[in-house]
Amino acid sequence: MADPRFYDNRGPFPLAQVCAAAGVALPDGNDGTAPVFDLASLDGAGAQHLSFYLGGVALTDSFLASDAGFCFVPAAGKQRPAPPGMVTIPCASVQHAFA
């Protein structure tokens, strides 16, 4: 979750709006009206949070154990299976989409 001392949470926002703002496509078969309440790290995320996974071995355990409901993931390269309940959102640049 973003530190509330520095950021005002203005959500929730519909998943489709989050994807549009990030310049990525809403993943096929997902509900664009699903609410995204806040941002969080992979380790600290819950079902209503958006997180990100850059790929690579170092964060794979955190990704596979995450409870994040939504996660930006790299579109290129080896695709890891998402944990149950997580909507993965493929991005050309995860860093740019999350920013």
PDB file of N, CA and C in Angstrom:
ATOM      1  N   MET A   1       0.840  -1.165   0.000  1.00  0.00           N
ATOM      2  CA  MET A   1       0.000   0.000   0.000  1.00  0.00           C
ATOM      3  C   MET A   1       0.886   1.229   0.000  1.00  0.00           C
ATOM      4  N   ALA A   2       0.479   2.227  -0.742  1.00  0.00           N
ATOM      5  CA  ALA A   2       1.219   3.482  -0.771  1.00  0.00           C
ATOM      6  C   ALA A   2       1.130   4.139   0.600  1.00  0.00           C
ATOM      7  N   ASP A   3       2.189   4.787   1.004  1.00  0.00           N
ATOM      8  CA  ASP A   3       2.246   5.404   2.330  1.00  0.00           C
ATOM      9  C   ASP A   3       1.249   6.555   2.409  1.00  0.00           C
ATOM     10  N   PRO A   4       0.220   6.445   3.273  1.00  0.00           N
ATOM     11  CA  PRO A   4      -0.818   7.480   3.341  1.00  0.00           C
ATOM     12  C   PRO A   4      -0.315   8.817   3.873  1.00  0.00           C
ATOM     13  N   ARG A   5       0.896   8.840   4.421  1.00  0.00           N
ATOM     14  CA  ARG A   5       1.460  10.126   4.851  1.00  0.00           C
ATOM     15  C   ARG A   5       1.863  10.977   3.653  1.00  0.00           C
ATOM     16  N   PHE A   6       2.079  10.340   2.516  1.00  0.00           N
ATOM     17  CA  PHE A   6       2.548  11.057   1.334  1.00  0.00           C
ATOM     18  C   PHE A   6       1.560  11.041   0.174  1.00  0.00           C
ATOM     19  N   TYR A   7       0.664  10.066   0.156  1.00  0.00           N
ATOM     20  CA  TYR A   7      -0.247   9.906  -0.977  1.00  0.00           C
ATOM     21  C   TYR A   7      -1.680   9.731  -0.483  1.00  0.00           C
ATOM     22  N   ASP A   8      -2.596  10.430  -1.132  1.00  0.00           N
ATOM     23  CA  ASP A   8      -4.019  10.245  -0.860  1.00  0.00           C
ATOM     24  C   ASP A   8      -4.536   9.154  -1.785  1.00  0.00           C
ATOM     25  N   ASN A   9      -5.155   8.138  -1.207  1.00  0.00           N
ATOM     26  CA  ASN A   9      -5.767   7.084  -2.010  1.00  0.00           C
ATOM     27  C   ASN A   9      -7.070   7.634  -2.572  1.00  0.00           C
ATOM     28  N   ARG A  10      -7.182   7.669  -3.870  1.00  0.00           N
ATOM     29  CA  ARG A  10      -8.371   8.211  -4.517  1.00  0.00           C
ATOM     30  C   ARG A  10      -9.222   7.112  -5.156  1.00  0.00           C
ATOM     31  N   GLY A  11      -8.868   5.877  -4.896  1.00  0.00           N
ATOM     32  CA  GLY A  11      -9.583   4.742  -5.473  1.00  0.00           C
ATOM     33  C   GLY A  11     -10.816   4.408  -4.686  1.00  0.00           C
ATOM     34  N   PRO A  12     -11.491   3.375  -5.072  1.00  0.00           N
ATOM     35  CA  PRO A  12     -11.071   2.387  -6.078  1.00  0.00           C
ATOM     36  C   PRO A  12     -11.319   2.879  -7.501  1.00  0.00           C
ATOM     37  N   PHE A  13     -10.578   2.251  -8.423  1.00  0.00           N
ATOM     38  CA  PHE A  13     -10.738   2.519  -9.840  1.00  0.00           C
ATOM     39  C   PHE A  13     -11.050   1.204 -10.540  1.00  0.00           C
ATOM     40  N   PRO A  14     -11.884   1.227 -11.569  1.00  0.00           N
ATOM     41  CA  PRO A  14     -12.148   0.001 -12.324  1.00  0.00           C
ATOM     42  C   PRO A  14     -10.888  -0.480 -13.037  1.00  0.00           C
ATOM     43  N   LEU A  15     -10.713  -1.775 -13.105  1.00  0.00           N
ATOM     44  CA  LEU A  15      -9.545  -2.362 -13.755  1.00  0.00           C
ATOM     45  C   LEU A  15      -9.364  -1.822 -15.171  1.00  0.00           C
ATOM     46  N   ALA A  16     -10.430  -1.659 -15.923  1.00  0.00           N
ATOM     47  CA  ALA A  16     -10.321  -1.149 -17.293  1.00  0.00           C
ATOM     48  C   ALA A  16      -9.723   0.254 -17.311  1.00  0.00           C
ATOM     49  N   GLN A  17     -10.070   1.080 -16.351  1.00  0.00           N
ATOM     50  CA  GLN A  17      -9.529   2.439 -16.276  1.00  0.00           C
ATOM     51  C   GLN A  17      -8.041   2.407 -15.910  1.00  0.00           C
ATOM     52  N   VAL A  18      -7.664   1.522 -15.006  1.00  0.00           N
ATOM     53  CA  VAL A  18      -6.257   1.377 -14.630  1.00  0.00           C
ATOM     54  C   VAL A  18      -5.441   0.944 -15.844  1.00  0.00           C
ATOM     55  N   CYS A  19      -5.944  -0.044 -16.574  1.00  0.00           N
ATOM     56  CA  CYS A  19      -5.236  -0.526 -17.766  1.00  0.00           C
ATOM     57  C   CYS A  19      -5.116   0.583 -18.813  1.00  0.00           C
ATOM     58  N   ALA A  20      -6.184   1.338 -19.027  1.00  0.00           N
ATOM     59  CA  ALA A  20      -6.146   2.427 -20.008  1.00  0.00           C
ATOM     60  C   ALA A  20      -5.127   3.484 -19.597  1.00  0.00           C
ATOM     61  N   ALA A  21      -5.100   3.844 -18.321  1.00  0.00           N
ATOM     62  CA  ALA A  21      -4.148   4.848 -17.836  1.00  0.00           C
ATOM     63  C   ALA A  21      -2.711   4.369 -17.980  1.00  0.00           C
ATOM     64  N   ALA A  22      -2.495   3.062 -17.856  1.00  0.00           N
ATOM     65  CA  ALA A  22      -1.152   2.484 -17.976  1.00  0.00           C
ATOM     66  C   ALA A  22      -0.767   2.210 -19.425  1.00  0.00           C
ATOM     67  N   GLY A  23      -1.723   2.350 -20.346  1.00  0.00           N
ATOM     68  CA  GLY A  23      -1.439   2.108 -21.760  1.00  0.00           C
ATOM     69  C   GLY A  23      -1.319   0.652 -22.114  1.00  0.00           C
ATOM     70  N   VAL A  24      -2.032  -0.201 -21.369  1.00  0.00           N
ATOM     71  CA  VAL A  24      -2.014  -1.638 -21.653  1.00  0.00           C
ATOM     72  C   VAL A  24      -3.437  -2.127 -21.879  1.00  0.00           C
ATOM     73  N   ALA A  25      -3.554  -3.245 -22.550  1.00  0.00           N
ATOM     74  CA  ALA A  25      -4.867  -3.812 -22.845  1.00  0.00           C
ATOM     75  C   ALA A  25      -5.420  -4.548 -21.628  1.00  0.00           C
ATOM     76  N   LEU A  26      -6.719  -4.448 -21.446  1.00  0.00           N
ATOM     77  CA  LEU A  26      -7.397  -5.254 -20.437  1.00  0.00           C
ATOM     78  C   LEU A  26      -7.261  -6.714 -20.864  1.00  0.00           C
ATOM     79  N   PRO A  27      -6.737  -7.575 -19.996  1.00  0.00           N
ATOM     80  CA  PRO A  27      -6.571  -8.976 -20.388  1.00  0.00           C
ATOM     81  C   PRO A  27      -7.912  -9.617 -20.771  1.00  0.00           C
ATOM     82  N   ASP A  28      -7.893 -10.394 -21.842  1.00  0.00           N
ATOM     83  CA  ASP A  28      -9.102 -11.072 -22.321  1.00  0.00           C
ATOM     84  C   ASP A  28      -9.754 -11.872 -21.213  1.00  0.00           C
ATOM     85  N   GLY A  29     -11.076 -11.826 -21.175  1.00  0.00           N
ATOM     86  CA  GLY A  29     -11.846 -12.628 -20.237  1.00  0.00           C
ATOM     87  C   GLY A  29     -11.894 -12.082 -18.827  1.00  0.00           C
ATOM     88  N   ASN A  30     -11.421 -10.853 -18.609  1.00  0.00           N
ATOM     89  CA  ASN A  30     -11.449 -10.273 -17.274  1.00  0.00           C
ATOM     90  C   ASN A  30     -12.472  -9.157 -17.188  1.00  0.00           C
ATOM     91  N   ASP A  31     -13.020  -8.985 -16.016  1.00  0.00           N
ATOM     92  CA  ASP A  31     -14.049  -7.993 -15.752  1.00  0.00           C
ATOM     93  C   ASP A  31     -13.414  -6.614 -15.615  1.00  0.00           C
ATOM     94  N   GLY A  32     -13.665  -5.745 -16.566  1.00  0.00           N
ATOM     95  CA  GLY A  32     -13.113  -4.406 -16.536  1.00  0.00           C
ATOM     96  C   GLY A  32     -13.662  -3.549 -15.420  1.00  0.00           C
ATOM     97  N   THR A  33     -14.758  -3.979 -14.800  1.00  0.00           N
ATOM     98  CA  THR A  33     -15.335  -3.203 -13.697  1.00  0.00           C
ATOM     99  C   THR A  33     -14.784  -3.622 -12.335  1.00  0.00           C
ATOM    100  N   ALA A  34     -13.931  -4.640 -12.306  1.00  0.00           N
ATOM    101  CA  ALA A  34     -13.353  -5.097 -11.031  1.00  0.00           C
ATOM    102  C   ALA A  34     -12.622  -3.935 -10.368  1.00  0.00           C
ATOM    103  N   PRO A  35     -12.872  -3.674  -9.084  1.00  0.00           N
ATOM    104  CA  PRO A  35     -12.248  -2.520  -8.432  1.00  0.00           C
ATOM    105  C   PRO A  35     -10.811  -2.790  -7.988  1.00  0.00           C
ATOM    106  N   VAL A  36      -9.952  -1.822  -8.274  1.00  0.00           N
ATOM    107  CA  VAL A  36      -8.574  -1.840  -7.801  1.00  0.00           C
ATOM    108  C   VAL A  36      -8.499  -0.748  -6.732  1.00  0.00           C
ATOM    109  N   PHE A  37      -8.269  -1.151  -5.493  1.00  0.00           N
ATOM    110  CA  PHE A  37      -8.326  -0.217  -4.375  1.00  0.00           C
ATOM    111  C   PHE A  37      -7.022   0.504  -4.096  1.00  0.00           C
ATOM    112  N   ASP A  38      -5.884  -0.155  -4.336  1.00  0.00           N
ATOM    113  CA  ASP A  38      -4.625   0.464  -3.954  1.00  0.00           C
ATOM    114  C   ASP A  38      -3.466  -0.289  -4.594  1.00  0.00           C
ATOM    115  N   LEU A  39      -2.277   0.222  -4.411  1.00  0.00           N
ATOM    116  CA  LEU A  39      -1.042  -0.406  -4.857  1.00  0.00           C
ATOM    117  C   LEU A  39      -0.383  -1.092  -3.671  1.00  0.00           C
ATOM    118  N   ALA A  40       0.374  -2.132  -3.945  1.00  0.00           N
ATOM    119  CA  ALA A  40       1.092  -2.811  -2.867  1.00  0.00           C
ATOM    120  C   ALA A  40       2.230  -3.633  -3.452  1.00  0.00           C
ATOM    121  N   SER A  41       3.187  -3.953  -2.600  1.00  0.00           N
ATOM    122  CA  SER A  41       4.272  -4.845  -3.006  1.00  0.00           C
ATOM    123  C   SER A  41       3.716  -6.258  -3.173  1.00  0.00           C
ATOM    124  N   LEU A  42       4.441  -7.091  -3.860  1.00  0.00           N
ATOM    125  CA  LEU A  42       4.002  -8.477  -4.016  1.00  0.00           C
ATOM    126  C   LEU A  42       3.773  -9.139  -2.660  1.00  0.00           C
ATOM    127  N   ASP A  43       4.673  -8.888  -1.734  1.00  0.00           N
ATOM    128  CA  ASP A  43       4.570  -9.512  -0.413  1.00  0.00           C
ATOM    129  C   ASP A  43       3.468  -8.918   0.447  1.00  0.00           C
ATOM    130  N   GLY A  44       3.115  -7.661   0.229  1.00  0.00           N
ATOM    131  CA  GLY A  44       2.124  -7.000   1.073  1.00  0.00           C
ATOM    132  C   GLY A  44       0.750  -6.866   0.459  1.00  0.00           C
ATOM    133  N   ALA A  45       0.569  -7.353  -0.755  1.00  0.00           N
ATOM    134  CA  ALA A  45      -0.690  -7.153  -1.477  1.00  0.00           C
ATOM    135  C   ALA A  45      -1.769  -8.130  -1.051  1.00  0.00           C
ATOM    136  N   GLY A  46      -2.996  -7.653  -1.150  1.00  0.00           N
ATOM    137  CA  GLY A  46      -4.177  -8.476  -0.942  1.00  0.00           C
ATOM    138  C   GLY A  46      -4.989  -8.516  -2.222  1.00  0.00           C
ATOM    139  N   ALA A  47      -6.161  -9.090  -2.145  1.00  0.00           N
ATOM    140  CA  ALA A  47      -7.000  -9.333  -3.322  1.00  0.00           C
ATOM    141  C   ALA A  47      -7.436  -8.064  -4.052  1.00  0.00           C
ATOM    142  N   GLN A  48      -7.445  -6.931  -3.386  1.00  0.00           N
ATOM    143  CA  GLN A  48      -7.908  -5.696  -4.021  1.00  0.00           C
ATOM    144  C   GLN A  48      -6.754  -4.772  -4.411  1.00  0.00           C
ATOM    145  N   HIS A  49      -5.534  -5.291  -4.401  1.00  0.00           N
ATOM    146  CA  HIS A  49      -4.353  -4.484  -4.703  1.00  0.00           C
ATOM    147  C   HIS A  49      -3.771  -4.799  -6.076  1.00  0.00           C
ATOM    148  N   LEU A  50      -3.129  -3.779  -6.641  1.00  0.00           N
ATOM    149  CA  LEU A  50      -2.344  -3.914  -7.864  1.00  0.00           C
ATOM    150  C   LEU A  50      -0.872  -3.941  -7.479  1.00  0.00           C
ATOM    151  N   SER A  51      -0.139  -4.889  -8.030  1.00  0.00           N
ATOM    152  CA  SER A  51       1.291  -4.978  -7.785  1.00  0.00           C
ATOM    153  C   SER A  51       1.994  -5.141  -9.125  1.00  0.00           C
ATOM    154  N   PHE A  52       3.281  -5.415  -9.093  1.00  0.00           N
ATOM    155  CA  PHE A  52       4.012  -5.641 -10.332  1.00  0.00           C
ATOM    156  C   PHE A  52       5.097  -6.685 -10.123  1.00  0.00           C
ATOM    157  N   TYR A  53       5.397  -7.398 -11.195  1.00  0.00           N
ATOM    158  CA  TYR A  53       6.434  -8.428 -11.201  1.00  0.00           C
ATOM    159  C   TYR A  53       7.300  -8.187 -12.424  1.00  0.00           C
ATOM    160  N   LEU A  54       8.583  -7.968 -12.212  1.00  0.00           N
ATOM    161  CA  LEU A  54       9.497  -7.664 -13.304  1.00  0.00           C
ATOM    162  C   LEU A  54      10.028  -8.906 -14.004  1.00  0.00           C
ATOM    163  N   GLY A  55       9.745 -10.068 -13.438  1.00  0.00           N
ATOM    164  CA  GLY A  55      10.302 -11.298 -13.989  1.00  0.00           C
ATOM    165  C   GLY A  55      11.618 -11.596 -13.316  1.00  0.00           C
ATOM    166  N   GLY A  56      12.242 -12.634 -13.732  1.00  0.00           N
ATOM    167  CA  GLY A  56      13.535 -12.989 -13.149  1.00  0.00           C
ATOM    168  C   GLY A  56      13.376 -13.881 -11.933  1.00  0.00           C
ATOM    169  N   VAL A  57      14.455 -14.538 -11.610  1.00  0.00           N
ATOM    170  CA  VAL A  57      14.462 -15.536 -10.547  1.00  0.00           C
ATOM    171  C   VAL A  57      14.323 -14.917  -9.162  1.00  0.00           C
ATOM    172  N   ALA A  58      14.906 -13.761  -8.941  1.00  0.00           N
ATOM    173  CA  ALA A  58      14.956 -13.168  -7.603  1.00  0.00           C
ATOM    174  C   ALA A  58      13.581 -12.930  -6.993  1.00  0.00           C
ATOM    175  N   LEU A  59      12.597 -12.564  -7.796  1.00  0.00           N
ATOM    176  CA  LEU A  59      11.268 -12.259  -7.265  1.00  0.00           C
ATOM    177  C   LEU A  59      10.236 -13.348  -7.524  1.00  0.00           C
ATOM    178  N   THR A  60      10.632 -14.439  -8.121  1.00  0.00           N
ATOM    179  CA  THR A  60       9.672 -15.481  -8.478  1.00  0.00           C
ATOM    180  C   THR A  60       8.940 -16.030  -7.261  1.00  0.00           C
ATOM    181  N   ASP A  61       9.630 -16.291  -6.174  1.00  0.00           N
ATOM    182  CA  ASP A  61       8.961 -16.814  -4.977  1.00  0.00           C
ATOM    183  C   ASP A  61       7.928 -15.828  -4.450  1.00  0.00           C
ATOM    184  N   SER A  62       8.264 -14.544  -4.439  1.00  0.00           N
ATOM    185  CA  SER A  62       7.308 -13.525  -3.980  1.00  0.00           C
ATOM    186  C   SER A  62       6.103 -13.477  -4.902  1.00  0.00           C
ATOM    187  N   PHE A  63       6.331 -13.568  -6.210  1.00  0.00           N
ATOM    188  CA  PHE A  63       5.230 -13.551  -7.174  1.00  0.00           C
ATOM    189  C   PHE A  63       4.306 -14.750  -6.958  1.00  0.00           C
ATOM    190  N   LEU A  64       4.888 -15.931  -6.853  1.00  0.00           N
ATOM    191  CA  LEU A  64       4.085 -17.152  -6.727  1.00  0.00           C
ATOM    192  C   LEU A  64       3.336 -17.231  -5.393  1.00  0.00           C
ATOM    193  N   ALA A  65       3.835 -16.548  -4.363  1.00  0.00           N
ATOM    194  CA  ALA A  65       3.186 -16.560  -3.050  1.00  0.00           C
ATOM    195  C   ALA A  65       2.275 -15.355  -2.833  1.00  0.00           C
ATOM    196  N   SER A  66       2.240 -14.442  -3.784  1.00  0.00           N
ATOM    197  CA  SER A  66       1.506 -13.191  -3.593  1.00  0.00           C
ATOM    198  C   SER A  66      -0.007 -13.405  -3.584  1.00  0.00           C
ATOM    199  N   ASP A  67      -0.678 -12.583  -2.789  1.00  0.00           N
ATOM    200  CA  ASP A  67      -2.144 -12.563  -2.750  1.00  0.00           C
ATOM    201  C   ASP A  67      -2.707 -11.394  -3.549  1.00  0.00           C
ATOM    202  N   ALA A  68      -1.855 -10.719  -4.338  1.00  0.00           N
ATOM    203  CA  ALA A  68      -2.312  -9.585  -5.150  1.00  0.00           C
ATOM    204  C   ALA A  68      -3.441 -10.021  -6.066  1.00  0.00           C
ATOM    205  N   GLY A  69      -4.426  -9.166  -6.193  1.00  0.00           N
ATOM    206  CA  GLY A  69      -5.533  -9.456  -7.103  1.00  0.00           C
ATOM    207  C   GLY A  69      -5.192  -9.141  -8.541  1.00  0.00           C
ATOM    208  N   PHE A  70      -4.272  -8.182  -8.731  1.00  0.00           N
ATOM    209  CA  PHE A  70      -3.915  -7.704 -10.065  1.00  0.00           C
ATOM    210  C   PHE A  70      -2.410  -7.479 -10.095  1.00  0.00           C
ATOM    211  N   CYS A  71      -1.775  -7.821 -11.212  1.00  0.00           N
ATOM    212  CA  CYS A  71      -0.318  -7.690 -11.263  1.00  0.00           C
ATOM    213  C   CYS A  71       0.139  -7.424 -12.690  1.00  0.00           C
ATOM    214  N   PHE A  72       0.910  -6.333 -12.866  1.00  0.00           N
ATOM    215  CA  PHE A  72       1.575  -6.089 -14.134  1.00  0.00           C
ATOM    216  C   PHE A  72       2.727  -7.078 -14.256  1.00  0.00           C
ATOM    217  N   VAL A  73       2.820  -7.746 -15.390  1.00  0.00           N
ATOM    218  CA  VAL A  73       3.880  -8.726 -15.644  1.00  0.00           C
ATOM    219  C   VAL A  73       4.476  -8.450 -17.022  1.00  0.00           C
ATOM    220  N   PRO A  74       5.717  -8.890 -17.268  1.00  0.00           N
ATOM    221  CA  PRO A  74       6.322  -8.687 -18.586  1.00  0.00           C
ATOM    222  C   PRO A  74       5.566  -9.467 -19.662  1.00  0.00           C
ATOM    223  N   ALA A  75       5.341  -8.821 -20.800  1.00  0.00           N
ATOM    224  CA  ALA A  75       4.665  -9.489 -21.913  1.00  0.00           C
ATOM    225  C   ALA A  75       5.614 -10.432 -22.642  1.00  0.00           C
ATOM    226  N   ALA A  76       6.892 -10.104 -22.650  1.00  0.00           N
ATOM    227  CA  ALA A  76       7.883 -10.919 -23.351  1.00  0.00           C
ATOM    228  C   ALA A  76       8.547 -11.887 -22.381  1.00  0.00           C
ATOM    229  N   GLY A  77       9.087 -12.936 -22.937  1.00  0.00           N
ATOM    230  CA  GLY A  77       9.808 -13.896 -22.106  1.00  0.00           C
ATOM    231  C   GLY A  77       8.904 -14.990 -21.574  1.00  0.00           C
ATOM    232  N   LYS A  78       9.474 -15.781 -20.697  1.00  0.00           N
ATOM    233  CA  LYS A  78       8.761 -16.915 -20.121  1.00  0.00           C
ATOM    234  C   LYS A  78       7.650 -16.419 -19.192  1.00  0.00           C
ATOM    235  N   GLN A  79       6.441 -16.879 -19.441  1.00  0.00           N
ATOM    236  CA  GLN A  79       5.298 -16.497 -18.620  1.00  0.00           C
ATOM    237  C   GLN A  79       5.134 -17.485 -17.475  1.00  0.00           C
ATOM    238  N   ARG A  80       5.153 -16.995 -16.273  1.00  0.00           N
ATOM    239  CA  ARG A  80       4.943 -17.838 -15.094  1.00  0.00           C
ATOM    240  C   ARG A  80       3.456 -17.985 -14.853  1.00  0.00           C
ATOM    241  N   PRO A  81       2.998 -19.145 -14.387  1.00  0.00           N
ATOM    242  CA  PRO A  81       1.583 -19.270 -14.035  1.00  0.00           C
ATOM    243  C   PRO A  81       1.289 -18.371 -12.831  1.00  0.00           C
ATOM    244  N   ALA A  82       0.179 -17.693 -12.884  1.00  0.00           N
ATOM    245  CA  ALA A  82      -0.204 -16.778 -11.800  1.00  0.00           C
ATOM    246  C   ALA A  82      -0.764 -17.563 -10.623  1.00  0.00           C
ATOM    247  N   PRO A  83      -0.581 -17.020  -9.430  1.00  0.00           N
ATOM    248  CA  PRO A  83      -1.218 -17.637  -8.266  1.00  0.00           C
ATOM    249  C   PRO A  83      -2.742 -17.581  -8.408  1.00  0.00           C
ATOM    250  N   PRO A  84      -3.460 -18.459  -7.741  1.00  0.00           N
ATOM    251  CA  PRO A  84      -4.920 -18.448  -7.828  1.00  0.00           C
ATOM    252  C   PRO A  84      -5.488 -17.078  -7.430  1.00  0.00           C
ATOM    253  N   GLY A  85      -6.423 -16.595  -8.227  1.00  0.00           N
ATOM    254  CA  GLY A  85      -7.095 -15.338  -7.929  1.00  0.00           C
ATOM    255  C   GLY A  85      -6.403 -14.103  -8.447  1.00  0.00           C
ATOM    256  N   MET A  86      -5.223 -14.244  -9.032  1.00  0.00           N
ATOM    257  CA  MET A  86      -4.491 -13.075  -9.536  1.00  0.00           C
ATOM    258  C   MET A  86      -4.763 -12.879 -11.024  1.00  0.00           C
ATOM    259  N   VAL A  87      -5.103 -11.651 -11.392  1.00  0.00           N
ATOM    260  CA  VAL A  87      -5.226 -11.271 -12.797  1.00  0.00           C
ATOM    261  C   VAL A  87      -3.882 -10.697 -13.223  1.00  0.00           C
ATOM    262  N   THR A  88      -3.230 -11.349 -14.181  1.00  0.00           N
ATOM    263  CA  THR A  88      -1.971 -10.819 -14.682  1.00  0.00           C
ATOM    264  C   THR A  88      -2.256  -9.921 -15.882  1.00  0.00           C
ATOM    265  N   ILE A  89      -1.536  -8.820 -15.931  1.00  0.00           N
ATOM    266  CA  ILE A  89      -1.719  -7.820 -16.979  1.00  0.00           C
ATOM    267  C   ILE A  89      -0.383  -7.679 -17.714  1.00  0.00           C
ATOM    268  N   PRO A  90      -0.250  -8.330 -18.871  1.00  0.00           N
ATOM    269  CA  PRO A  90       1.014  -8.270 -19.603  1.00  0.00           C
ATOM    270  C   PRO A  90       1.309  -6.858 -20.109  1.00  0.00           C
ATOM    271  N   CYS A  91       2.580  -6.439 -19.949  1.00  0.00           N
ATOM    272  CA  CYS A  91       3.014  -5.096 -20.345  1.00  0.00           C
ATOM    273  C   CYS A  91       4.331  -5.180 -21.099  1.00  0.00           C
ATOM    274  N   ALA A  92       4.502  -4.311 -22.092  1.00  0.00           N
ATOM    275  CA  ALA A  92       5.783  -4.216 -22.777  1.00  0.00           C
ATOM    276  C   ALA A  92       6.851  -3.716 -21.799  1.00  0.00           C
ATOM    277  N   SER A  93       6.472  -2.803 -20.917  1.00  0.00           N
ATOM    278  CA  SER A  93       7.391  -2.283 -19.902  1.00  0.00           C
ATOM    279  C   SER A  93       6.629  -2.202 -18.573  1.00  0.00           C
ATOM    280  N   VAL A  94       6.897  -3.135 -17.695  1.00  0.00           N
ATOM    281  CA  VAL A  94       6.222  -3.168 -16.404  1.00  0.00           C
ATOM    282  C   VAL A  94       6.491  -1.889 -15.623  1.00  0.00           C
ATOM    283  N   GLN A  95       7.734  -1.419 -15.640  1.00  0.00           N
ATOM    284  CA  GLN A  95       8.091  -0.213 -14.904  1.00  0.00           C
ATOM    285  C   GLN A  95       7.287   0.996 -15.363  1.00  0.00           C
ATOM    286  N   HIS A  96       7.128   1.175 -16.673  1.00  0.00           N
ATOM    287  CA  HIS A  96       6.378   2.299 -17.187  1.00  0.00           C
ATOM    288  C   HIS A  96       4.888   2.169 -16.877  1.00  0.00           C
ATOM    289  N   ALA A  97       4.353   0.982 -16.982  1.00  0.00           N
ATOM    290  CA  ALA A  97       2.939   0.780 -16.683  1.00  0.00           C
ATOM    291  C   ALA A  97       2.650   1.065 -15.217  1.00  0.00           C
ATOM    292  N   PHE A  98       3.510   0.599 -14.328  1.00  0.00           N
ATOM    293  CA  PHE A  98       3.282   0.802 -12.891  1.00  0.00           C
ATOM    294  C   PHE A  98       3.449   2.263 -12.498  1.00  0.00           C
ATOM    295  N   ALA A  99       4.384   2.945 -13.154  1.00  0.00           N
ATOM    296  CA  ALA A  99       4.596   4.368 -12.843  1.00  0.00           C
ATOM    297  C   ALA A  99       3.378   5.167 -13.230  1.00  0.00           C
TER     298      ALA A  99
END
